Amino acid sequence: MDPFDHRDHRDRLDALEGMDHRILSALRARGADPRVGGAARALSRAGEHGALWIAAGLAGAAVDGARRGAWLRGTVLTAGAHVVSMGVKRVVRRPRPAHVVPLVTTVGRHSFPSSHATSATAAAVAFGVLGARAVPPLAAAMCLSRLVVGVHHPSDVAAGAVLGALTACVGARWVRGGACD
């Protein structure tokens, strides 16, 4: 394999795009069930601009006085991850999927990375170290919802999750006073 053969790289990208297309089509089809579609729409709306995660962090700070500062730092970290993802979107400018009809409207027209996935995963890591056990499964559901409502390619969600996890991991020392495990 010649590392400078652009055809080989293009073939790999085409294969990834094909996989993205098939996975998204299958998951978007699940949104036809009113219960699934309704839940996915509700999660997507709750995650706009990281609102659910910011509210969760502020609630944690309100009820856990002993670790109020850690909750607030985790909230800032989660919001920061969201802002970083929006900056990446402005640079990459990948269009949203065109082959499925979305179940929700979106604020922006760019899809890479998923800001919902970024903030959800950042919250799962930042609040997870504080013992918020409900956050990781809710974050996973949030990530999946973006596919069910048809507004992201699976690779957008995966990249957003990685970006959120990395951002929170880098900031974990700041959140809890320790290193990222």
Protein backbone atom coordinates (compact mmCIF):
# COMPACT_ATOMS: atom_id res chain seq x y z
CA MET A 1 0.00 0.00 0.00
CA ASP A 2 1.41 3.34 -1.07
CA PRO A 3 0.85 5.95 1.70
CA PHE A 4 0.71 8.63 -0.99
CA ASP A 5 -1.96 6.88 -3.06
CA HIS A 6 -4.95 9.17 -2.53
CA ARG A 7 -7.30 6.63 -4.10
CA ASP A 8 -6.77 4.29 -1.14
CA HIS A 9 -7.63 7.09 1.31
CA ARG A 10 -10.67 8.04 -0.77
CA ASP A 11 -11.83 4.40 -0.74
CA ARG A 12 -11.59 4.35 3.05
CA LEU A 13 -13.49 7.61 3.36
CA ASP A 14 -16.16 6.30 1.00
CA ALA A 15 -16.49 3.15 3.12
CA LEU A 16 -16.85 5.27 6.27
CA GLU A 17 -19.47 7.46 4.62
CA GLY A 18 -21.36 4.36 3.51
CA MET A 19 -21.31 2.97 7.03
CA ASP A 20 -22.44 6.35 8.42
CA HIS A 21 -25.30 6.37 5.91
CA ARG A 22 -26.49 2.84 6.75
CA ILE A 23 -26.29 3.26 10.53
CA LEU A 24 -28.05 6.62 10.45
CA SER A 25 -30.81 5.31 8.17
CA ALA A 26 -31.44 2.35 10.49
CA LEU A 27 -31.53 4.46 13.65
CA ARG A 28 -33.61 7.23 12.09
CA ALA A 29 -36.16 4.56 11.07
CA ARG A 30 -36.59 3.73 14.77
CA GLY A 31 -37.84 7.27 15.27
CA ALA A 32 -41.01 6.34 13.38
CA ASP A 33 -42.23 4.70 16.60
CA PRO A 34 -43.97 7.61 18.37
CA ARG A 35 -42.53 6.65 21.76
CA VAL A 36 -38.97 6.42 20.45
CA GLY A 37 -39.28 9.54 18.31
CA GLY A 38 -40.89 11.50 21.15
CA ALA A 39 -38.20 10.53 23.64
CA ALA A 40 -35.44 11.35 21.14
CA ARG A 41 -36.98 14.75 20.38
CA ALA A 42 -37.31 15.53 24.10
CA LEU A 43 -33.68 14.60 24.78
CA SER A 44 -32.50 16.64 21.80
CA ARG A 45 -34.41 19.70 22.96
CA ALA A 46 -33.16 19.32 26.54
CA GLY A 47 -29.58 19.19 25.29
CA GLU A 48 -29.70 22.40 23.26
CA HIS A 49 -26.65 24.51 24.12
CA GLY A 50 -25.78 22.05 26.89
CA ALA A 51 -28.78 23.28 28.93
CA LEU A 52 -29.59 19.92 30.55
CA TRP A 53 -26.00 19.42 31.68
CA ILE A 54 -25.59 22.97 32.95
CA ALA A 55 -28.83 22.59 34.93
CA ALA A 56 -27.64 19.24 36.31
CA GLY A 57 -24.35 20.77 37.41
CA LEU A 58 -26.05 23.72 39.06
CA ALA A 59 -28.48 21.36 40.81
CA GLY A 60 -25.55 19.28 42.04
CA ALA A 61 -23.90 22.43 43.37
CA ALA A 62 -27.13 23.44 45.11
CA VAL A 63 -27.67 20.14 46.93
CA ASP A 64 -24.07 19.08 47.59
CA GLY A 65 -22.68 21.97 49.60
CA ALA A 66 -19.53 20.07 50.56
CA ARG A 67 -18.54 19.76 46.90
CA ARG A 68 -20.24 22.86 45.53
CA GLY A 69 -17.00 24.13 43.99
CA ALA A 70 -16.34 20.82 42.24
CA TRP A 71 -19.86 20.80 40.77
CA LEU A 72 -19.48 24.37 39.55
CA ARG A 73 -16.08 23.62 38.01
CA GLY A 74 -17.58 20.55 36.29
CA THR A 75 -20.39 22.74 34.96
CA VAL A 76 -17.92 25.28 33.58
CA LEU A 77 -15.89 22.47 32.03
CA THR A 78 -19.01 21.01 30.39
CA ALA A 79 -20.02 24.41 29.01
CA GLY A 80 -16.46 24.95 27.81
CA ALA A 81 -16.48 21.63 25.95
CA HIS A 82 -19.69 22.72 24.24
CA VAL A 83 -18.11 26.01 23.16
CA VAL A 84 -15.05 24.17 21.79
CA SER A 85 -17.31 21.89 19.72
CA MET A 86 -19.09 24.89 18.25
CA GLY A 87 -15.72 26.33 17.24
CA VAL A 88 -14.74 23.07 15.55
CA LYS A 89 -18.08 23.11 13.66
CA ARG A 90 -17.27 26.55 12.27
CA VAL A 91 -13.96 25.27 10.94
CA VAL A 92 -15.05 21.87 9.59
CA ARG A 93 -18.48 22.97 8.23
CA ARG A 94 -19.74 19.45 7.48
CA PRO A 95 -23.36 19.59 6.32
CA ARG A 96 -26.07 17.74 8.19
CA PRO A 97 -27.32 14.46 6.71
CA ALA A 98 -29.43 15.04 3.63
CA HIS A 99 -30.71 11.50 3.05
CA VAL A 100 -33.09 11.39 6.04
CA VAL A 101 -35.94 13.64 7.14
CA PRO A 102 -35.07 15.08 10.57
CA LEU A 103 -37.53 14.93 13.46
CA VAL A 104 -36.31 18.24 14.92
CA THR A 105 -35.14 21.57 13.62
CA THR A 106 -31.58 22.61 14.37
CA VAL A 107 -30.04 25.91 15.33
CA GLY A 108 -27.11 25.48 12.94
CA ARG A 109 -26.57 23.74 9.64
CA HIS A 110 -23.23 22.10 10.43
CA SER A 111 -22.95 18.67 11.99
CA PHE A 112 -19.33 17.86 12.87
CA PRO A 113 -18.84 17.31 15.74
CA SER A 114 -22.13 16.84 17.56
CA SER A 115 -22.22 19.53 20.25
CA HIS A 116 -24.92 17.54 22.07
CA ALA A 117 -22.57 14.55 22.23
CA THR A 118 -19.66 16.76 23.28
CA SER A 119 -21.46 18.37 26.20
CA ALA A 120 -23.19 15.11 27.21
CA THR A 121 -19.93 13.19 27.35
CA ALA A 122 -18.10 16.02 29.10
CA ALA A 123 -20.87 16.03 31.73
CA ALA A 124 -20.71 12.24 32.06
CA VAL A 125 -16.99 12.44 32.83
CA ALA A 126 -17.02 15.64 34.91
CA PHE A 127 -20.07 14.71 37.00
CA GLY A 128 -19.28 11.01 36.96
CA VAL A 129 -16.15 11.61 39.03
CA LEU A 130 -18.45 13.28 41.56
CA GLY A 131 -20.63 10.16 41.78
CA ALA A 132 -23.54 11.24 39.56
CA ARG A 133 -24.40 7.73 38.36
CA ALA A 134 -27.47 8.75 36.36
CA VAL A 135 -25.48 11.08 34.09
CA PRO A 136 -23.50 8.54 31.98
CA PRO A 137 -26.55 6.52 30.79
CA LEU A 138 -28.48 9.75 30.16
CA ALA A 139 -25.51 11.08 28.19
CA ALA A 140 -25.43 7.89 26.10
CA ALA A 141 -29.16 8.28 25.41
CA MET A 142 -28.56 11.91 24.41
CA CYS A 143 -25.88 10.83 21.93
CA LEU A 144 -28.16 8.17 20.45
CA SER A 145 -31.05 10.63 20.22
CA ARG A 146 -29.12 12.76 17.73
CA LEU A 147 -29.09 9.82 15.34
CA VAL A 148 -32.71 8.85 15.94
CA VAL A 149 -33.84 12.40 15.13
CA GLY A 150 -31.66 12.30 12.01
CA VAL A 151 -29.53 15.42 12.46
CA HIS A 152 -26.06 13.87 12.75
CA HIS A 153 -23.92 11.28 11.06
CA PRO A 154 -22.71 8.58 13.50
CA SER A 155 -19.14 9.84 13.01
CA ASP A 156 -20.28 13.32 14.17
CA VAL A 157 -21.59 11.81 17.40
CA ALA A 158 -18.49 9.67 17.90
CA ALA A 159 -16.21 12.67 17.36
CA GLY A 160 -18.30 14.79 19.73
CA ALA A 161 -18.14 12.09 22.40
CA VAL A 162 -14.36 11.85 22.05
CA LEU A 163 -13.99 15.64 22.19
CA GLY A 164 -16.21 15.86 25.27
CA ALA A 165 -14.40 13.04 27.05
CA LEU A 166 -10.98 14.49 26.25
CA THR A 167 -11.97 17.97 27.35
CA ALA A 168 -13.39 16.70 30.63
CA CYS A 169 -10.48 14.34 31.18
CA VAL A 170 -7.99 17.16 30.73
CA GLY A 171 -9.99 19.25 33.19
CA ALA A 172 -10.61 16.45 35.71
CA ARG A 173 -7.72 17.58 37.91
CA TRP A 174 -9.32 21.02 38.12
CA VAL A 175 -12.76 19.55 38.90
CA ARG A 176 -11.74 17.22 41.71
CA GLY A 177 -8.17 18.08 42.51
CA GLY A 178 -6.77 14.85 41.02
CA ALA A 179 -5.47 13.43 37.77
CA CYS A 180 -7.58 11.98 34.98
CA ASP A 181 -7.74 8.22 35.48
